[in-house]
Amino acid sequence: MRETSGTVRRAFFLGLRDSLGLPAIGIVAALSGYGVMARDAGLDLTMAMLSVATIWTMPSLMAYAELLASGTAAWAFFIALLVISIRNLPMAVSAIPVIRARPGFRWHQIMLAQLLSPTAWVQITTVGRTLDPSDRMPYYLGFALTLLAGGLFGTWISHTWASGLHPALGPALLLFTPLFVVLTMATSPKRSSLLALVTGCILVPPLMLYDPEFGLIVGGITAGTIGFVLSGRERRGPERKK
């Protein structure tokens, strides 16, 4: 039992260690940008921190601050955040089977999904498969909880000291997390990730110019699908030759 406990502890601290670096720096920087937005929207520090802990996804947090500042009706507020947050569903569906040690639904998986972010998703889908199944959940918790702590810290420090921050710096800080995700996908051993990244870099910018509201969604889904299909064809090619 002690050996199992020690293994779990080692996996947890391995996840914590892997998050301390560019992942944590990116989250702290991104949520520092949100802290400025939240303060400008009229949120006090308590509500800003609570929104990070409960929403925990940058597009939804940004929409939350913008809609709050514009005085949007409560029903429209709820629907907008719900639609934006649906983007996390495919990540949760693909990540939870990698994290869990046994098949089947468990209630604690809802908490695991709540902690999921694009940064944690990229990490667990690339590194998690190299870990023993019993180590994946503690590794994920160590990684994801460290990111959440970093996000809360970034929100706190920027909300508290936002008056001394240059106006252009807040939005610029939001780019750190996407930068980490792109760099991680670029070094991923999975060919589908590389193909999706290259295709996305080609498709998304013109689609965003054509339609700022849906260009990112359409481009992301299209690029991911193309990467998956092309990598599948490459895998089947050698098998047919055999």
Protein backbone atom coordinates (compact mmCIF):
# COMPACT_ATOMS: atom_id res chain seq x y z
CA MET A 1 0.00 0.00 0.00
CA ARG A 2 2.85 2.34 0.85
CA GLU A 3 4.48 1.55 -2.50
CA THR A 4 1.25 2.45 -4.33
CA SER A 5 0.96 5.67 -2.32
CA GLY A 6 4.55 6.55 -3.17
CA THR A 7 3.95 5.93 -6.87
CA VAL A 8 0.88 8.16 -6.83
CA ARG A 9 2.83 10.86 -5.06
CA ARG A 10 5.67 10.66 -7.56
CA ALA A 11 3.24 10.90 -10.50
CA PHE A 12 1.52 13.91 -8.91
CA PHE A 13 4.79 15.78 -8.41
CA LEU A 14 5.92 14.82 -11.92
CA GLY A 15 2.83 16.56 -13.29
CA LEU A 16 3.49 19.52 -11.01
CA ARG A 17 7.09 19.71 -12.21
CA ASP A 18 6.11 19.53 -15.89
CA SER A 19 3.66 22.40 -15.44
CA LEU A 20 6.24 24.67 -13.80
CA GLY A 21 7.74 26.32 -16.85
CA LEU A 22 6.19 27.60 -20.03
CA PRO A 23 2.74 26.10 -19.22
CA ALA A 24 2.47 27.90 -15.88
CA ILE A 25 4.06 31.07 -17.24
CA GLY A 26 1.57 31.09 -20.11
CA ILE A 27 -1.40 30.60 -17.77
CA VAL A 28 -0.21 33.28 -15.34
CA ALA A 29 0.31 35.70 -18.21
CA ALA A 30 -3.03 34.90 -19.88
CA LEU A 31 -5.02 35.21 -16.66
CA SER A 32 -3.14 38.43 -15.88
CA GLY A 33 -4.73 39.77 -19.05
CA TYR A 34 -8.11 38.57 -17.83
CA GLY A 35 -7.56 40.21 -14.44
CA VAL A 36 -7.23 43.56 -16.20
CA MET A 37 -10.39 42.88 -18.22
CA ALA A 38 -12.31 41.84 -15.11
CA ARG A 39 -11.34 44.96 -13.23
CA ASP A 40 -12.28 47.17 -16.17
CA ALA A 41 -15.64 45.36 -16.36
CA GLY A 42 -16.39 46.26 -12.75
CA LEU A 43 -15.74 42.87 -11.13
CA ASP A 44 -14.26 43.01 -7.65
CA LEU A 45 -11.35 40.74 -6.78
CA THR A 46 -13.49 38.05 -5.13
CA MET A 47 -15.81 37.70 -8.13
CA ALA A 48 -12.88 37.76 -10.55
CA MET A 49 -11.15 34.92 -8.69
CA LEU A 50 -14.42 32.98 -8.37
CA SER A 51 -15.10 33.30 -12.09
CA VAL A 52 -11.66 31.83 -12.88
CA ALA A 53 -12.17 28.89 -10.51
CA THR A 54 -15.62 28.04 -11.87
CA ILE A 55 -15.43 28.93 -15.60
CA TRP A 56 -11.74 28.13 -16.22
CA THR A 57 -11.58 28.65 -19.97
CA MET A 58 -10.20 31.82 -21.53
CA PRO A 59 -12.78 32.40 -24.32
CA SER A 60 -15.63 32.04 -21.81
CA LEU A 61 -13.88 34.25 -19.27
CA MET A 62 -13.27 36.96 -21.86
CA ALA A 63 -16.89 36.76 -23.00
CA TYR A 64 -18.02 36.86 -19.37
CA ALA A 65 -16.13 40.10 -18.73
CA GLU A 66 -17.26 41.72 -21.99
CA LEU A 67 -20.93 40.77 -21.57
CA LEU A 68 -20.91 41.92 -17.97
CA ALA A 69 -19.46 45.27 -18.95
CA SER A 70 -22.06 45.73 -21.70
CA GLY A 71 -25.00 44.99 -19.37
CA THR A 72 -26.28 42.00 -21.39
CA ALA A 73 -29.54 40.40 -20.22
CA ALA A 74 -29.15 37.36 -17.96
CA TRP A 75 -30.73 34.89 -20.43
CA ALA A 76 -28.49 36.04 -23.31
CA PHE A 77 -25.54 35.99 -20.92
CA PHE A 78 -26.19 32.33 -20.04
CA ILE A 79 -26.76 31.20 -23.63
CA ALA A 80 -23.61 32.94 -24.91
CA LEU A 81 -21.40 31.34 -22.25
CA LEU A 82 -23.03 27.95 -22.80
CA VAL A 83 -22.38 28.04 -26.56
CA ILE A 84 -18.78 29.16 -26.08
CA SER A 85 -18.12 26.49 -23.45
CA ILE A 86 -19.36 23.66 -25.69
CA ARG A 87 -15.93 23.82 -27.35
CA ASN A 88 -14.54 22.05 -24.27
CA LEU A 89 -16.77 19.00 -24.74
CA PRO A 90 -14.63 17.31 -27.45
CA MET A 91 -11.53 17.89 -25.31
CA ALA A 92 -13.14 16.25 -22.29
CA VAL A 93 -14.47 13.32 -24.32
CA SER A 94 -11.01 12.60 -25.77
CA ALA A 95 -9.00 13.26 -22.58
CA ILE A 96 -10.98 11.47 -19.86
CA PRO A 97 -10.42 7.96 -21.38
CA VAL A 98 -6.68 8.67 -21.29
CA ILE A 99 -6.75 9.84 -17.67
CA ARG A 100 -8.97 7.22 -16.02
CA ALA A 101 -7.47 3.95 -14.86
CA ARG A 102 -10.65 1.87 -15.35
CA PRO A 103 -13.45 1.98 -17.95
CA GLY A 104 -16.87 3.28 -16.99
CA PHE A 105 -18.21 6.55 -15.62
CA ARG A 106 -17.21 7.81 -12.16
CA TRP A 107 -18.57 10.97 -10.54
CA HIS A 108 -15.10 12.36 -9.87
CA GLN A 109 -14.58 12.55 -13.64
CA ILE A 110 -16.81 15.64 -13.61
CA MET A 111 -14.18 17.35 -11.46
CA LEU A 112 -11.45 16.15 -13.82
CA ALA A 113 -13.34 17.67 -16.76
CA GLN A 114 -13.78 20.95 -14.83
CA LEU A 115 -10.01 21.20 -14.41
CA LEU A 116 -9.38 20.56 -18.11
CA SER A 117 -7.91 23.37 -20.20
CA PRO A 118 -6.37 23.37 -23.69
CA THR A 119 -2.93 23.39 -22.07
CA ALA A 120 -3.71 20.40 -19.85
CA TRP A 121 -5.44 18.62 -22.73
CA VAL A 122 -2.41 18.89 -25.01
CA GLN A 123 -0.13 17.72 -22.20
CA ILE A 124 -2.16 14.71 -21.11
CA THR A 125 -2.88 13.51 -24.65
CA THR A 126 0.80 13.64 -25.58
CA VAL A 127 2.51 12.63 -22.32
CA GLY A 128 -0.28 10.64 -20.67
CA ARG A 129 -0.02 7.74 -23.11
CA THR A 130 3.61 7.20 -22.07
CA LEU A 131 2.64 6.81 -18.39
CA ASP A 132 1.37 3.77 -16.56
CA PRO A 133 -2.47 3.91 -16.43
CA SER A 134 -2.43 4.17 -12.62
CA ASP A 135 -0.12 7.22 -12.83
CA ARG A 136 -2.16 9.22 -15.32
CA MET A 137 -4.77 10.65 -12.96
CA PRO A 138 -2.32 11.87 -10.27
CA TYR A 139 -0.08 13.25 -13.03
CA TYR A 140 -3.03 15.10 -14.56
CA LEU A 141 -4.12 16.45 -11.16
CA GLY A 142 -0.62 17.71 -10.41
CA PHE A 143 -0.40 19.41 -13.79
CA ALA A 144 -3.94 20.84 -13.90
CA LEU A 145 -4.09 22.04 -10.27
CA THR A 146 -0.78 23.85 -10.69
CA LEU A 147 -2.17 25.61 -13.77
CA LEU A 148 -5.32 26.59 -11.85
CA ALA A 149 -3.21 27.97 -9.00
CA GLY A 150 -1.17 29.92 -11.54
CA GLY A 151 -4.34 31.27 -13.13
CA LEU A 152 -5.68 32.44 -9.78
CA PHE A 153 -2.33 34.05 -8.98
CA GLY A 154 -2.21 35.85 -12.33
CA THR A 155 -5.75 37.13 -11.87
CA TRP A 156 -5.03 38.32 -8.33
CA ILE A 157 -1.80 40.14 -9.14
CA SER A 158 -3.10 41.88 -12.27
CA HIS A 159 -6.46 42.83 -10.71
CA THR A 160 -4.64 44.28 -7.73
CA TRP A 161 -2.01 46.15 -9.74
CA ALA A 162 -3.94 46.79 -12.97
CA SER A 163 -3.69 50.55 -12.59
CA GLY A 164 0.06 50.36 -13.18
CA LEU A 165 -0.17 48.17 -16.30
CA HIS A 166 0.12 49.61 -19.79
CA PRO A 167 -3.25 49.34 -21.63
CA ALA A 168 -1.71 47.40 -24.54
CA LEU A 169 0.00 44.87 -22.27
CA GLY A 170 -3.15 43.24 -20.89
CA PRO A 171 -4.46 41.85 -24.22
CA ALA A 172 -0.91 40.92 -25.29
CA LEU A 173 -0.54 38.64 -22.25
CA LEU A 174 -3.46 36.55 -23.51
CA LEU A 175 -1.27 35.22 -26.35
CA PHE A 176 1.07 33.20 -24.10
CA THR A 177 -1.26 30.22 -23.63
CA PRO A 178 -2.04 29.77 -27.37
CA LEU A 179 1.70 30.05 -28.00
CA PHE A 180 2.40 27.16 -25.62
CA VAL A 181 -0.32 25.01 -27.21
CA VAL A 182 1.12 25.65 -30.69
CA LEU A 183 4.67 24.83 -29.55
CA THR A 184 3.50 21.61 -27.86
CA MET A 185 1.59 20.47 -30.93
CA ALA A 186 4.60 21.31 -33.11
CA THR A 187 6.76 18.93 -31.06
CA SER A 188 4.09 16.23 -30.75
CA PRO A 189 5.08 12.77 -32.01
CA LYS A 190 1.54 12.28 -33.37
CA ARG A 191 1.45 12.99 -37.11
CA SER A 192 -2.22 13.98 -36.89
CA SER A 193 -1.33 16.84 -34.52
CA LEU A 194 1.38 18.13 -36.85
CA LEU A 195 -0.86 17.94 -39.91
CA ALA A 196 -3.72 19.65 -38.06
CA LEU A 197 -1.36 22.42 -36.89
CA VAL A 198 0.00 23.12 -40.38
CA THR A 199 -3.47 23.01 -41.94
CA GLY A 200 -4.85 25.28 -39.21
CA CYS A 201 -2.10 27.86 -39.79
CA ILE A 202 -3.10 27.95 -43.46
CA LEU A 203 -6.90 27.92 -43.09
CA VAL A 204 -7.71 29.84 -39.91
CA PRO A 205 -6.26 33.33 -40.69
CA PRO A 206 -8.22 33.88 -43.94
CA LEU A 207 -11.36 32.37 -42.40
CA MET A 208 -11.02 34.71 -39.41
CA LEU A 209 -10.76 37.68 -41.79
CA TYR A 210 -13.82 36.48 -43.69
CA ASP A 211 -15.93 35.74 -40.61
CA PRO A 212 -14.48 36.84 -37.22
CA GLU A 213 -17.27 35.11 -35.26
CA PHE A 214 -17.15 31.59 -36.75
CA GLY A 215 -13.86 31.56 -38.67
CA LEU A 216 -11.88 30.08 -35.77
CA ILE A 217 -14.45 27.34 -35.10
CA VAL A 218 -14.83 26.36 -38.76
CA GLY A 219 -11.08 26.51 -39.38
CA GLY A 220 -10.23 24.52 -36.25
CA ILE A 221 -12.72 21.74 -36.95
CA THR A 222 -11.69 21.57 -40.61
CA ALA A 223 -7.96 21.50 -39.83
CA GLY A 224 -8.38 18.84 -37.15
CA THR A 225 -10.47 16.68 -39.47
CA ILE A 226 -7.98 17.01 -42.33
CA GLY A 227 -5.08 16.11 -40.01
CA PHE A 228 -6.91 13.06 -38.71
CA VAL A 229 -7.95 11.84 -42.17
CA LEU A 230 -4.51 12.34 -43.73
CA SER A 231 -2.70 10.63 -40.85
CA GLY A 232 -5.14 7.70 -41.13
CA ARG A 233 -4.42 7.32 -44.83
CA GLU A 234 -0.68 7.32 -44.17
CA ARG A 235 -1.08 4.59 -41.55
CA ARG A 236 -3.18 2.45 -43.87
CA GLY A 237 -0.76 2.89 -46.78
CA PRO A 238 2.04 0.69 -45.37
CA GLU A 239 -0.52 -1.89 -44.21
CA ARG A 240 -1.90 -2.25 -47.74
CA LYS A 241 1.62 -2.74 -49.12
CA LYS A 242 2.13 -5.62 -46.72
